[in-house]
Amino acid sequence: RKVPKPLLELFSSISQGSREVTSTIHVKNRVWSVVMAPLYATSDHIRGAVAVLRDTTEEYRLDKLRKDFVANVSHELRTPISMLQGYSEALLDDIAASPEERNELIRVIHDESVRMGRLVKDLLDLSRMETGHLEMNEGRVHIPLLLDRVYRKFNVLCKEQGIILKSFVTEDDLILEKADEDRLEQVLTNLLDNAIRHSPKGSEIVMSARSAKEHGQPGVILEIADQGEGIPEEDLPYIFERFYKADKARKRASAGGTGLGLAIVKNIVQSHGGHVNVSSKPGQGTTFSIFLPKNRNSK
């Protein structure tokens, strides 16, 4: 019988006298740990080999996630730490020539420290969510009031950036019987912050809510639609991963987020028994759709 191609190199090593060979091979999106040892016909004649394969795909994936996480956190912290050090040294050395320059240095130090604090907070929030320790203050949530509050919070910022923000609710009595209003506001805030950051001047962002049913379960669909740069199709499966904004598909703004916003959105929505979908085309904008059950106890 022929030796499978992925094992051929290991078998060649065995044939040339190696006592035992250990390696890792990648086959069809799976990762395998391989231990191969020779089978002897006589003390000096090899008649074949025995190989033990173990599927280590999940271990490999978790190890890669851990390494990527450490690398991304290091990347996110490197810039603000460098700026804090550099600008504070400038103040200590009295480089600022005027009170205005001094205030500008202090402003940069403040902004970067706020960004670092936001990163740590988001990391803690995400950690609690993923381990099931997120505190939920549940009650009845009136969706039109929630959208109105979020609209008023972002409308001034949109006007300053030349973006038109619109809000539509099809029914005045859209209510979730068991939901955390503050967490849902966090979801909408993260999505709107993303939409604004990637929308050009003169474009529109539309926030809407309507009743819907999925698999016979009554619920509410919240949507945030923008006319921004959009997301390439090949990147869509990964946008809810931590630090997605570091990807080539997203440009980093000077006051950009932590890159954890969409991961937090997904976890909050799932903790409400719902799900979030995204549709996007480069140059045509992006739409996030969230389904939330009106009452998670109903089947």
Protein backbone atom coordinates (compact mmCIF):
# COMPACT_ATOMS: atom_id res chain seq x y z
CA ARG A 1 0.00 0.00 0.00
CA LYS A 2 1.08 3.54 -0.66
CA VAL A 3 2.00 5.77 2.25
CA PRO A 4 -0.43 8.72 2.53
CA LYS A 5 1.22 11.87 1.18
CA PRO A 6 1.10 13.85 4.49
CA LEU A 7 3.00 10.97 6.19
CA LEU A 8 5.49 10.34 3.39
CA GLU A 9 8.24 12.60 4.77
CA LEU A 10 8.00 10.98 8.21
CA PHE A 11 8.09 7.50 6.68
CA SER A 12 11.20 8.47 4.70
CA SER A 13 12.93 9.44 7.96
CA ILE A 14 11.99 6.08 9.47
CA SER A 15 13.28 4.24 6.39
CA GLN A 16 16.61 6.03 6.71
CA GLY A 17 17.15 4.74 10.22
CA SER A 18 15.32 7.09 12.61
CA ARG A 19 14.14 5.27 15.72
CA GLU A 20 10.99 7.36 16.23
CA VAL A 21 9.60 10.52 14.68
CA THR A 22 7.10 12.96 16.21
CA SER A 23 5.48 15.71 14.18
CA THR A 24 2.36 17.79 13.58
CA ILE A 25 0.60 17.76 10.22
CA HIS A 26 -2.28 19.80 8.75
CA VAL A 27 -4.81 17.92 6.65
CA LYS A 28 -8.09 19.41 5.36
CA ASN A 29 -8.45 22.08 8.07
CA ARG A 30 -7.58 19.56 10.80
CA VAL A 31 -4.40 19.34 12.85
CA TRP A 32 -2.94 15.97 13.76
CA SER A 33 -0.18 14.97 16.17
CA VAL A 34 1.74 12.02 14.70
CA VAL A 35 4.13 9.58 16.35
CA MET A 36 5.73 7.09 13.92
CA ALA A 37 8.04 4.23 14.82
CA PRO A 38 9.71 1.54 12.66
CA LEU A 39 8.60 -2.11 12.44
CA TYR A 40 11.55 -4.49 12.11
CA ALA A 41 11.52 -7.78 10.18
CA THR A 42 14.98 -8.52 11.59
CA SER A 43 17.25 -6.57 13.87
CA ASP A 44 18.57 -4.51 10.95
CA HIS A 45 15.77 -4.71 8.39
CA ILE A 46 12.74 -2.37 8.49
CA ARG A 47 9.63 -3.86 6.93
CA GLY A 48 7.33 -0.94 7.66
CA ALA A 49 6.23 1.58 10.24
CA VAL A 50 3.44 2.09 12.73
CA ALA A 51 1.90 5.55 13.13
CA VAL A 52 -0.32 6.85 15.91
CA LEU A 53 -2.38 9.92 14.99
CA ARG A 54 -4.25 12.13 17.42
CA ASP A 55 -6.62 14.93 16.38
CA THR A 56 -5.31 18.06 18.12
CA THR A 57 -7.34 20.59 16.12
CA GLU A 58 -9.13 22.02 19.16
CA GLU A 59 -5.92 22.26 21.20
CA TYR A 60 -4.21 23.98 18.27
CA ARG A 61 -7.12 26.42 17.88
CA LEU A 62 -7.15 27.32 21.59
CA ASP A 63 -3.38 27.77 21.63
CA LYS A 64 -3.59 30.03 18.58
CA LEU A 65 -6.39 32.06 20.22
CA ARG A 66 -4.27 32.47 23.34
CA LYS A 67 -1.22 33.61 21.36
CA ASP A 68 -3.31 35.95 19.20
CA PHE A 69 -4.98 37.38 22.31
CA VAL A 70 -1.65 38.14 24.00
CA ALA A 71 -0.28 39.63 20.77
CA ASN A 72 -3.36 41.81 20.26
CA VAL A 73 -3.46 43.08 23.84
CA SER A 74 0.25 43.90 23.59
CA HIS A 75 -0.39 45.70 20.30
CA GLU A 76 -3.28 47.72 21.75
CA LEU A 77 -1.35 48.75 24.85
CA ARG A 78 1.96 49.53 23.15
CA THR A 79 0.85 52.79 21.50
CA PRO A 80 -0.86 54.45 24.51
CA ILE A 81 1.95 53.38 26.86
CA SER A 82 4.56 54.85 24.50
CA MET A 83 2.59 58.08 24.21
CA LEU A 84 2.07 58.33 27.98
CA GLN A 85 5.79 57.85 28.55
CA GLY A 86 6.87 60.24 25.81
CA TYR A 87 4.51 63.08 26.65
CA SER A 88 5.02 62.79 30.41
CA GLU A 89 8.80 62.92 29.86
CA ALA A 90 8.26 66.05 27.76
CA LEU A 91 6.41 67.64 30.69
CA LEU A 92 9.07 66.56 33.19
CA ASP A 93 11.80 68.02 30.98
CA ASP A 94 9.76 71.22 30.62
CA ILE A 95 9.87 71.02 26.81
CA ALA A 96 6.48 72.73 26.38
CA ALA A 97 7.19 76.32 25.36
CA SER A 98 3.79 77.74 26.30
CA PRO A 99 0.78 76.97 28.52
CA GLU A 100 -1.14 75.97 25.38
CA GLU A 101 1.47 73.37 24.41
CA ARG A 102 1.54 72.10 27.99
CA ASN A 103 -2.25 71.72 28.00
CA GLU A 104 -2.08 69.87 24.68
CA LEU A 105 0.40 67.37 26.12
CA ILE A 106 -1.81 66.88 29.16
CA ARG A 107 -4.84 66.35 26.90
CA VAL A 108 -3.04 63.59 24.97
CA ILE A 109 -1.99 61.90 28.22
CA HIS A 110 -5.59 62.06 29.47
CA ASP A 111 -7.07 60.70 26.23
CA GLU A 112 -4.63 57.79 26.06
CA SER A 113 -5.19 56.88 29.72
CA VAL A 114 -8.95 56.89 29.08
CA ARG A 115 -8.44 54.58 26.10
CA MET A 116 -6.36 52.19 28.19
CA GLY A 117 -9.03 52.21 30.88
CA ARG A 118 -11.70 51.45 28.28
CA LEU A 119 -9.66 48.53 26.96
CA VAL A 120 -9.28 47.03 30.44
CA LYS A 121 -13.00 47.50 31.16
CA ASP A 122 -14.00 45.85 27.88
CA LEU A 123 -11.64 42.95 28.54
CA LEU A 124 -13.15 42.41 31.99
CA ASP A 125 -16.69 42.64 30.60
CA LEU A 126 -15.92 40.15 27.86
CA SER A 127 -14.24 37.77 30.30
CA ARG A 128 -17.31 37.81 32.57
CA MET A 129 -19.63 37.23 29.62
CA GLU A 130 -17.66 34.30 28.23
CA THR A 131 -17.48 32.61 31.64
CA GLY A 132 -21.19 33.16 32.33
CA HIS A 133 -20.61 35.58 35.21
CA LEU A 134 -22.21 38.64 33.63
CA GLU A 135 -24.64 40.35 36.00
CA MET A 136 -28.01 41.02 34.38
CA ASN A 137 -30.52 43.51 35.81
CA GLU A 138 -33.57 42.22 34.00
CA GLY A 139 -36.96 43.85 33.68
CA ARG A 140 -39.45 45.13 31.11
CA VAL A 141 -37.75 47.16 28.39
CA HIS A 142 -39.76 49.60 26.28
CA ILE A 143 -37.91 49.51 22.95
CA PRO A 144 -39.16 52.88 21.54
CA LEU A 145 -37.91 54.69 24.66
CA LEU A 146 -34.59 52.87 24.45
CA LEU A 147 -34.08 53.84 20.81
CA ASP A 148 -35.11 57.43 21.52
CA ARG A 149 -32.54 57.71 24.30
CA VAL A 150 -29.77 56.26 22.13
CA TYR A 151 -30.80 58.52 19.22
CA ARG A 152 -30.55 61.65 21.37
CA LYS A 153 -27.17 60.54 22.69
CA PHE A 154 -25.66 60.15 19.20
CA ASN A 155 -27.53 62.75 17.16
CA VAL A 156 -25.28 65.68 18.15
CA LEU A 157 -22.13 63.69 17.35
CA CYS A 158 -23.55 62.69 13.95
CA LYS A 159 -24.41 66.31 13.12
CA GLU A 160 -20.88 67.38 14.02
CA GLN A 161 -19.50 64.83 11.57
CA GLY A 162 -22.01 65.62 8.82
CA ILE A 163 -23.80 62.25 9.15
CA ILE A 164 -27.60 61.96 9.11
CA LEU A 165 -28.95 59.75 11.91
CA LYS A 166 -32.52 58.43 11.61
CA SER A 167 -34.62 56.30 13.94
CA PHE A 168 -37.77 54.33 13.07
CA VAL A 169 -40.04 52.21 15.26
CA THR A 170 -43.00 50.48 13.62
CA GLU A 171 -45.01 50.04 16.84
CA ASP A 172 -45.26 52.12 20.01
CA ASP A 173 -45.79 49.08 22.25
CA LEU A 174 -42.68 47.08 21.42
CA ILE A 175 -41.69 45.59 24.79
CA LEU A 176 -39.23 42.95 25.96
CA GLU A 177 -40.55 41.30 29.10
CA LYS A 178 -37.19 40.13 30.41
CA ALA A 179 -34.11 42.08 29.34
CA ASP A 180 -31.33 44.27 30.70
CA GLU A 181 -31.92 47.78 29.36
CA ASP A 182 -28.40 49.05 30.14
CA ARG A 183 -26.80 46.10 28.33
CA LEU A 184 -29.03 46.58 25.29
CA GLU A 185 -28.07 50.25 25.25
CA GLN A 186 -24.44 49.09 25.29
CA VAL A 187 -25.18 46.92 22.23
CA LEU A 188 -26.69 49.82 20.29
CA THR A 189 -23.93 52.16 21.44
CA ASN A 190 -21.20 49.81 20.21
CA LEU A 191 -22.91 49.32 16.84
CA LEU A 192 -23.55 53.03 16.32
CA ASP A 193 -20.01 53.90 17.36
CA ASN A 194 -18.76 51.45 14.73
CA ALA A 195 -21.14 52.79 12.08
CA ILE A 196 -20.15 56.42 12.68
CA ARG A 197 -16.45 55.61 12.59
CA HIS A 198 -16.78 54.03 9.15
CA SER A 199 -19.35 56.35 7.54
CA PRO A 200 -18.43 59.23 5.23
CA LYS A 201 -19.75 62.76 5.56
CA GLY A 202 -23.22 63.16 4.04
CA SER A 203 -24.20 59.51 4.49
CA GLU A 204 -27.09 58.13 6.55
CA ILE A 205 -27.26 55.78 9.50
CA VAL A 206 -30.69 54.27 10.19
CA MET A 207 -31.65 52.70 13.51
CA SER A 208 -34.93 50.79 13.53
CA ALA A 209 -37.04 48.32 15.50
CA ARG A 210 -39.96 46.07 14.54
CA SER A 211 -41.78 43.04 15.85
CA ALA A 212 -40.98 39.65 14.33
CA LYS A 213 -41.31 35.91 14.86
CA GLU A 214 -38.65 33.25 14.58
CA HIS A 215 -39.59 29.57 14.83
CA GLY A 216 -42.92 30.64 16.27
CA GLN A 217 -41.29 32.73 18.99
CA PRO A 218 -42.37 36.40 19.13
CA GLY A 219 -39.60 38.90 19.36
CA VAL A 220 -38.12 42.20 18.27
CA ILE A 221 -35.61 42.92 15.51
CA LEU A 222 -33.26 45.85 16.01
CA GLU A 223 -31.28 47.06 13.01
CA ILE A 224 -28.42 49.48 12.52
CA ALA A 225 -27.78 50.22 8.82
CA ASP A 226 -25.06 52.51 7.53
CA GLN A 227 -23.81 53.63 4.12
CA GLY A 228 -20.15 53.32 5.06
CA GLU A 229 -17.17 51.53 3.57
CA GLY A 230 -18.60 48.07 4.15
CA ILE A 231 -16.83 44.83 5.02
CA PRO A 232 -15.25 42.42 2.51
CA GLU A 233 -17.15 39.14 2.21
CA GLU A 234 -14.16 37.05 3.24
CA ASP A 235 -13.91 38.95 6.54
CA LEU A 236 -17.57 38.69 7.57
CA PRO A 237 -17.20 35.35 9.42
CA TYR A 238 -14.57 36.87 11.71
CA ILE A 239 -15.95 40.28 12.65
CA PHE A 240 -17.25 39.14 16.04
CA GLU A 241 -13.83 37.92 17.11
CA ARG A 242 -11.82 39.90 19.64
CA PHE A 243 -9.70 42.71 18.21
CA TYR A 244 -11.22 42.42 14.74
CA LYS A 245 -10.54 46.13 14.19
CA ALA A 246 -6.83 45.31 14.00
CA ASP A 247 -7.62 43.41 10.79
CA LYS A 248 -6.75 44.94 7.43
CA ALA A 249 -10.48 45.46 6.74
CA ARG A 250 -10.81 48.12 9.44
CA LYS A 251 -8.88 51.36 9.63
CA ARG A 252 -7.87 52.58 13.03
CA ALA A 253 -9.21 56.02 13.83
CA SER A 254 -7.29 58.30 16.16
CA ALA A 255 -10.08 57.93 18.70
CA GLY A 256 -10.91 54.37 17.71
CA GLY A 257 -12.47 51.76 19.93
CA THR A 258 -10.86 48.83 21.66
CA GLY A 259 -11.62 46.26 18.97
CA LEU A 260 -13.81 44.34 21.41
CA GLY A 261 -17.12 46.07 20.64
CA LEU A 262 -18.60 43.46 18.31
CA ALA A 263 -17.48 40.56 20.52
CA ILE A 264 -19.29 42.25 23.41
CA VAL A 265 -22.38 42.82 21.23
CA LYS A 266 -22.54 39.12 20.33
CA ASN A 267 -22.19 37.98 23.94
CA ILE A 268 -24.84 40.38 25.28
CA VAL A 269 -27.32 39.41 22.56
CA GLN A 270 -26.73 35.70 23.18
CA SER A 271 -27.19 36.21 26.93
CA HIS A 272 -30.68 37.53 26.06
CA GLY A 273 -31.46 34.38 24.09
CA GLY A 274 -31.10 36.21 20.77
CA HIS A 275 -28.69 36.33 17.87
CA VAL A 276 -27.04 38.93 15.65
CA ASN A 277 -26.53 38.80 11.88
CA VAL A 278 -24.62 41.07 9.54
CA SER A 279 -24.85 41.81 5.83
CA SER A 280 -22.39 44.04 4.03
CA LYS A 281 -20.90 44.94 0.68
CA PRO A 282 -17.75 47.02 0.23
CA GLY A 283 -18.70 50.57 -0.70
CA GLN A 284 -22.41 50.02 -0.04
CA GLY A 285 -22.58 49.91 3.73
CA THR A 286 -23.29 47.43 6.51
CA THR A 287 -26.46 46.31 8.31
CA PHE A 288 -26.49 44.61 11.71
CA SER A 289 -29.75 42.81 12.58
CA ILE A 290 -30.47 41.62 16.11
CA PHE A 291 -33.32 39.30 17.06
CA LEU A 292 -34.38 39.37 20.73
CA PRO A 293 -37.22 37.19 22.09
CA LYS A 294 -39.98 39.16 23.82
CA ASN A 295 -40.09 36.65 26.63
CA ARG A 296 -37.28 34.13 26.96
CA ASN A 297 -39.44 31.85 29.09
CA SER A 298 -41.96 31.35 26.28
CA LYS A 299 -41.48 28.52 23.79
